[in-house]
C-alpha cells in the first residue's frame, strides 16, 4: 500500500482509535529493533503466514533508511528447495535472546506450540510484540499488543488493515529514531495527507 493510499485510509479512519494505536505500536517496534541493530523475527500461526507484512516492512526498511525494520520471516512449514529467505523454520525462535524482537501476527488462536515458543523467547530476553484478534494468552505474553476484536467492530477494521497502518507508521522517520534529512517518501506522505484533508471550515 503506497503513501497516498495509506493517507486515504487514515482519513477514512479519522475519529477512530486505529491510526493512533497503529502509530504507538509502530513506535514500540522501532524503539525495539533500531537500537538492537535489527534482529526482528516475524511469525504467524500455522494457518496464517504474514507474507504481506513481511514484504511491507522490507519496503519500509528500504524507503525510510531504517534497515533494522526488515524482518526474518519464521515459518511453520518449510518445503525443500525454497529460497533462503523462505527457509527459516520455527527452530529459529529458540535462538531468540536479549536484543531480538519477536513480532507475532495471530488471527484466531495461536496454538499451544507457538505460545510455548513465544514464552521461551520472552524468558530468554526477547521483546515480544503482537498483532492479534484479542487472544488473552498471547496478549499476556506480549510486551506490547495491538488487538482487533474478531467480533468485527462497528468501524469494520480487520487485522490486515491494521498491518498496513503499522507497517506504514513504522517507516515514518519521526521521534527518537529519526536520522538525517527528511526523505522523499516522508514528504510525499505529508503531501498526500494535505491533499486529502477536508477543507477548513469557514465558520
Foldseek 3Di string as FASTA:
>chain_A
DALLVLLVVCVLCPPHCQLVLLLVLLVVVCVLQQVLVAQEEEEEAQVDFPPVLLVLQCVLCVQQVPVSSRYQYEHCDDDPPDDPSRHHYPVVLLVAAASHEYEYEYEDDRDPVVLVSLQNNVVRHYAYEYEYQDDPSSVVSHPYYDHNHPVQDPSRDDSVVSSVSNSVSNSAQDDPNHDDDDGPSNVVSVVSNVVPDDDDDPD
